[in-house]
């Protein structure tokens, strides 16, 4: 197994577990992927992010065909959404999809997260709202693709109506940090209204 492949597997495991530990998602929800050669490495369906191992990461081609599946698992049901992002954005090397509580409140309300802190204003730029489509549907993949086609290339995160968030960056570390920052930004915005 080549070093780049091993390194990407290690990152997927590391940032999957961190996302679960930081309450960015619960149970078996959320999915993580990384671009690799002519496809993507993506977490399996039905596997909690706290329990991701190298056996529960699949290699999928850009057409959605499963190319490597060590444990015979199904790829994440959000594979089409991940692929839509990679197709629209050649600069993107990783996609991080989770359901953190405070950011998801904004997704449910159909409102973009207000950036109140200087860090958020400097690092996030914008998080457009993607219209609702059932999780895992081809329609959601189309809506994500359509939204990205209209947005500036500086956008690296989206709110999914009634669903959660997705971040996409040049590394899994950056995607994870952006998801964490979005959740803290949403929490600050909600709590600031109570003062």
Protein backbone atom coordinates (compact mmCIF):
# COMPACT_ATOMS: atom_id res chain seq x y z
CA UNK A 1 0.00 0.00 0.00
CA UNK A 2 1.49 3.32 -1.05
CA UNK A 3 2.39 5.98 1.51
CA UNK A 4 -0.06 8.60 0.20
CA UNK A 5 -2.93 6.12 0.47
CA UNK A 6 -1.91 5.13 4.01
CA UNK A 7 -1.59 8.78 5.05
CA UNK A 8 -5.06 9.63 3.72
CA UNK A 9 -6.57 6.62 5.47
CA UNK A 10 -4.92 7.71 8.72
CA UNK A 11 -6.30 11.25 8.31
CA UNK A 12 -9.83 9.98 7.62
CA UNK A 13 -9.70 7.86 10.77
CA UNK A 14 -8.19 10.67 12.88
CA UNK A 15 -10.64 13.41 11.85
CA UNK A 16 -13.65 11.09 11.90
CA UNK A 17 -12.96 10.21 15.54
CA UNK A 18 -12.18 13.85 16.42
CA UNK A 19 -15.49 14.96 14.88
CA UNK A 20 -17.37 12.47 17.01
CA UNK A 21 -15.42 13.39 20.15
CA UNK A 22 -16.10 17.12 19.60
CA UNK A 23 -19.87 16.47 19.20
CA UNK A 24 -19.91 17.52 15.55
CA UNK A 25 -22.07 14.44 14.97
CA UNK A 26 -23.61 11.53 16.88
CA UNK A 27 -24.47 7.86 16.46
CA UNK A 28 -23.66 6.66 12.93
CA UNK A 29 -24.28 9.95 11.14
CA UNK A 30 -21.73 12.01 9.21
CA UNK A 31 -19.21 11.05 6.53
CA UNK A 32 -15.68 11.98 5.57
CA UNK A 33 -13.78 11.70 2.28
CA UNK A 34 -10.47 12.51 0.66
CA UNK A 35 -9.54 12.77 -3.02
CA UNK A 36 -7.10 10.07 -4.11
CA UNK A 37 -5.80 9.61 -7.66
CA UNK A 38 -8.84 9.03 -9.94
CA UNK A 39 -11.38 8.69 -7.13
CA UNK A 40 -12.10 9.30 -3.47
CA UNK A 41 -11.64 7.47 -0.19
CA UNK A 42 -14.90 7.68 1.77
CA UNK A 43 -16.29 6.32 5.03
CA UNK A 44 -18.78 3.47 4.89
CA UNK A 45 -22.52 3.75 5.46
CA UNK A 46 -23.76 2.80 8.91
CA UNK A 47 -20.38 3.10 10.63
CA UNK A 48 -20.12 5.64 13.45
CA UNK A 49 -17.35 8.18 12.95
CA UNK A 50 -15.99 7.12 16.35
CA UNK A 51 -15.46 3.60 14.97
CA UNK A 52 -13.96 4.29 11.53
CA UNK A 53 -11.07 1.95 10.69
CA UNK A 54 -9.12 1.31 7.50
CA UNK A 55 -11.53 -1.56 6.76
CA UNK A 56 -14.52 0.83 6.82
CA UNK A 57 -13.08 3.24 4.24
CA UNK A 58 -13.91 2.49 0.61
CA UNK A 59 -12.26 3.65 -2.60
CA UNK A 60 -14.82 4.97 -5.07
CA UNK A 61 -14.28 6.21 -8.62
CA UNK A 62 -15.45 9.65 -9.73
CA UNK A 63 -18.37 7.91 -11.47
CA UNK A 64 -19.50 6.39 -8.15
CA UNK A 65 -18.26 2.88 -8.87
CA UNK A 66 -16.82 1.11 -5.81
CA UNK A 67 -13.21 0.18 -6.66
CA UNK A 68 -12.02 -1.16 -3.30
CA UNK A 69 -14.12 -2.38 -0.39
CA UNK A 70 -12.05 -4.26 2.23
CA UNK A 71 -14.96 -5.23 4.51
CA UNK A 72 -17.78 -5.53 1.95
CA UNK A 73 -19.58 -2.46 3.30
CA UNK A 74 -21.73 0.08 1.46
CA UNK A 75 -20.21 3.49 0.74
CA UNK A 76 -21.75 6.43 2.55
CA UNK A 77 -25.18 7.28 1.23
CA UNK A 78 -23.85 10.81 0.75
CA UNK A 79 -21.23 9.65 -1.78
CA UNK A 80 -23.01 11.49 -4.61
CA UNK A 81 -22.90 14.75 -2.65
CA UNK A 82 -19.17 14.32 -2.00
CA UNK A 83 -18.53 13.54 -5.67
CA UNK A 84 -20.58 16.58 -6.74
CA UNK A 85 -18.27 18.81 -4.68
CA UNK A 86 -15.09 17.22 -6.07
CA UNK A 87 -16.38 17.56 -9.65
CA UNK A 88 -17.26 21.24 -9.19
CA UNK A 89 -14.11 22.13 -7.31
CA UNK A 90 -10.80 20.68 -8.58
CA UNK A 91 -9.04 22.56 -5.75
CA UNK A 92 -10.86 20.52 -3.10
CA UNK A 93 -8.99 17.56 -1.59
CA UNK A 94 -11.34 16.65 1.26
CA UNK A 95 -15.02 16.80 2.20
CA UNK A 96 -16.34 16.73 5.78
CA UNK A 97 -20.08 16.30 6.38
CA UNK A 98 -21.46 16.41 9.92
CA UNK A 99 -24.57 17.45 11.89
CA UNK A 100 -23.45 19.73 14.75
CA UNK A 101 -26.31 21.01 16.90
CA UNK A 102 -25.93 24.80 16.70
CA UNK A 103 -25.08 25.01 13.01
CA UNK A 104 -27.90 22.59 12.22
CA UNK A 105 -30.35 24.90 14.01
CA UNK A 106 -29.53 27.53 11.37
CA UNK A 107 -29.94 24.90 8.63
CA UNK A 108 -33.39 24.01 10.01
CA UNK A 109 -34.41 27.66 10.22
CA UNK A 110 -33.15 28.22 6.67
CA UNK A 111 -30.85 31.05 7.75
CA UNK A 112 -27.16 31.56 7.12
CA UNK A 113 -24.96 31.64 10.21
CA UNK A 114 -24.07 35.23 11.22
CA UNK A 115 -20.35 35.77 11.60
CA UNK A 116 -19.98 37.83 14.76
CA UNK A 117 -16.33 37.20 15.66
CA UNK A 118 -13.31 38.56 13.85
CA UNK A 119 -12.02 35.00 13.33
CA UNK A 120 -15.24 33.89 11.64
CA UNK A 121 -15.33 37.00 9.46
CA UNK A 122 -11.76 36.39 8.37
CA UNK A 123 -11.83 32.62 7.86
CA UNK A 124 -15.31 31.61 6.71
CA UNK A 125 -16.37 34.24 4.13
CA UNK A 126 -19.85 32.74 3.57
CA UNK A 127 -21.82 29.54 4.08
CA UNK A 128 -24.65 29.46 1.51
CA UNK A 129 -27.83 27.51 2.21
CA UNK A 130 -28.54 24.54 -0.07
CA UNK A 131 -32.28 23.83 -0.63
CA UNK A 132 -33.74 20.77 1.05
CA UNK A 133 -33.49 17.37 -0.58
CA UNK A 134 -33.63 13.97 1.13
CA UNK A 135 -30.26 12.89 2.57
CA UNK A 136 -28.42 10.57 0.21
CA UNK A 137 -30.54 11.50 -2.79
CA UNK A 138 -29.27 12.37 -6.27
CA UNK A 139 -31.33 15.53 -5.90
CA UNK A 140 -29.19 16.66 -2.95
CA UNK A 141 -26.06 16.09 -5.05
CA UNK A 142 -27.57 18.25 -7.82
CA UNK A 143 -28.55 21.02 -5.40
CA UNK A 144 -25.04 21.08 -3.91
CA UNK A 145 -23.52 21.16 -7.41
CA UNK A 146 -25.90 23.93 -8.52
CA UNK A 147 -25.13 26.02 -5.43
CA UNK A 148 -21.38 25.67 -5.92
CA UNK A 149 -21.65 26.57 -9.60
CA UNK A 150 -23.18 29.93 -8.60
CA UNK A 151 -20.79 30.71 -5.75
CA UNK A 152 -17.33 32.22 -5.60
CA UNK A 153 -14.45 29.73 -5.49
CA UNK A 154 -13.51 31.13 -2.08
CA UNK A 155 -16.52 29.33 -0.54
CA UNK A 156 -15.51 26.27 1.48
CA UNK A 157 -18.67 25.40 3.40
CA UNK A 158 -22.39 24.92 2.91
CA UNK A 159 -25.46 24.66 5.14
CA UNK A 160 -27.78 21.85 4.05
CA UNK A 161 -31.43 22.77 4.74
CA UNK A 162 -32.88 20.69 7.62
CA UNK A 163 -29.77 18.53 7.59
CA UNK A 164 -26.32 19.79 8.68
CA UNK A 165 -23.13 21.23 7.24
CA UNK A 166 -20.51 20.24 4.73
CA UNK A 167 -17.00 21.69 4.56
CA UNK A 168 -14.45 21.12 1.81
CA UNK A 169 -10.83 22.18 1.73
CA UNK A 170 -7.30 21.37 0.61
CA UNK A 171 -6.82 18.89 3.49
CA UNK A 172 -8.92 16.99 5.99
CA UNK A 173 -7.30 18.97 8.79
CA UNK A 174 -8.56 22.23 7.24
CA UNK A 175 -12.02 20.78 6.54
CA UNK A 176 -12.29 19.59 10.14
CA UNK A 177 -11.12 22.93 11.57
CA UNK A 178 -13.64 24.77 9.40
CA UNK A 179 -16.48 22.51 10.59
CA UNK A 180 -15.42 23.13 14.19
CA UNK A 181 -15.24 26.90 13.60
CA UNK A 182 -18.68 26.94 11.94
CA UNK A 183 -20.22 25.15 14.90
CA UNK A 184 -18.60 27.50 17.44
CA UNK A 185 -19.66 30.50 15.33
CA UNK A 186 -23.27 29.28 15.29
CA UNK A 187 -23.16 28.65 19.05
CA UNK A 188 -21.81 32.15 19.74
CA UNK A 189 -24.51 33.68 17.52
CA UNK A 190 -27.30 31.81 19.30
CA UNK A 191 -25.99 32.45 22.81
CA UNK A 192 -25.32 36.14 22.10
CA UNK A 193 -29.06 36.64 21.55
CA UNK A 194 -29.69 35.68 25.19
CA UNK A 195 -27.50 38.48 26.61
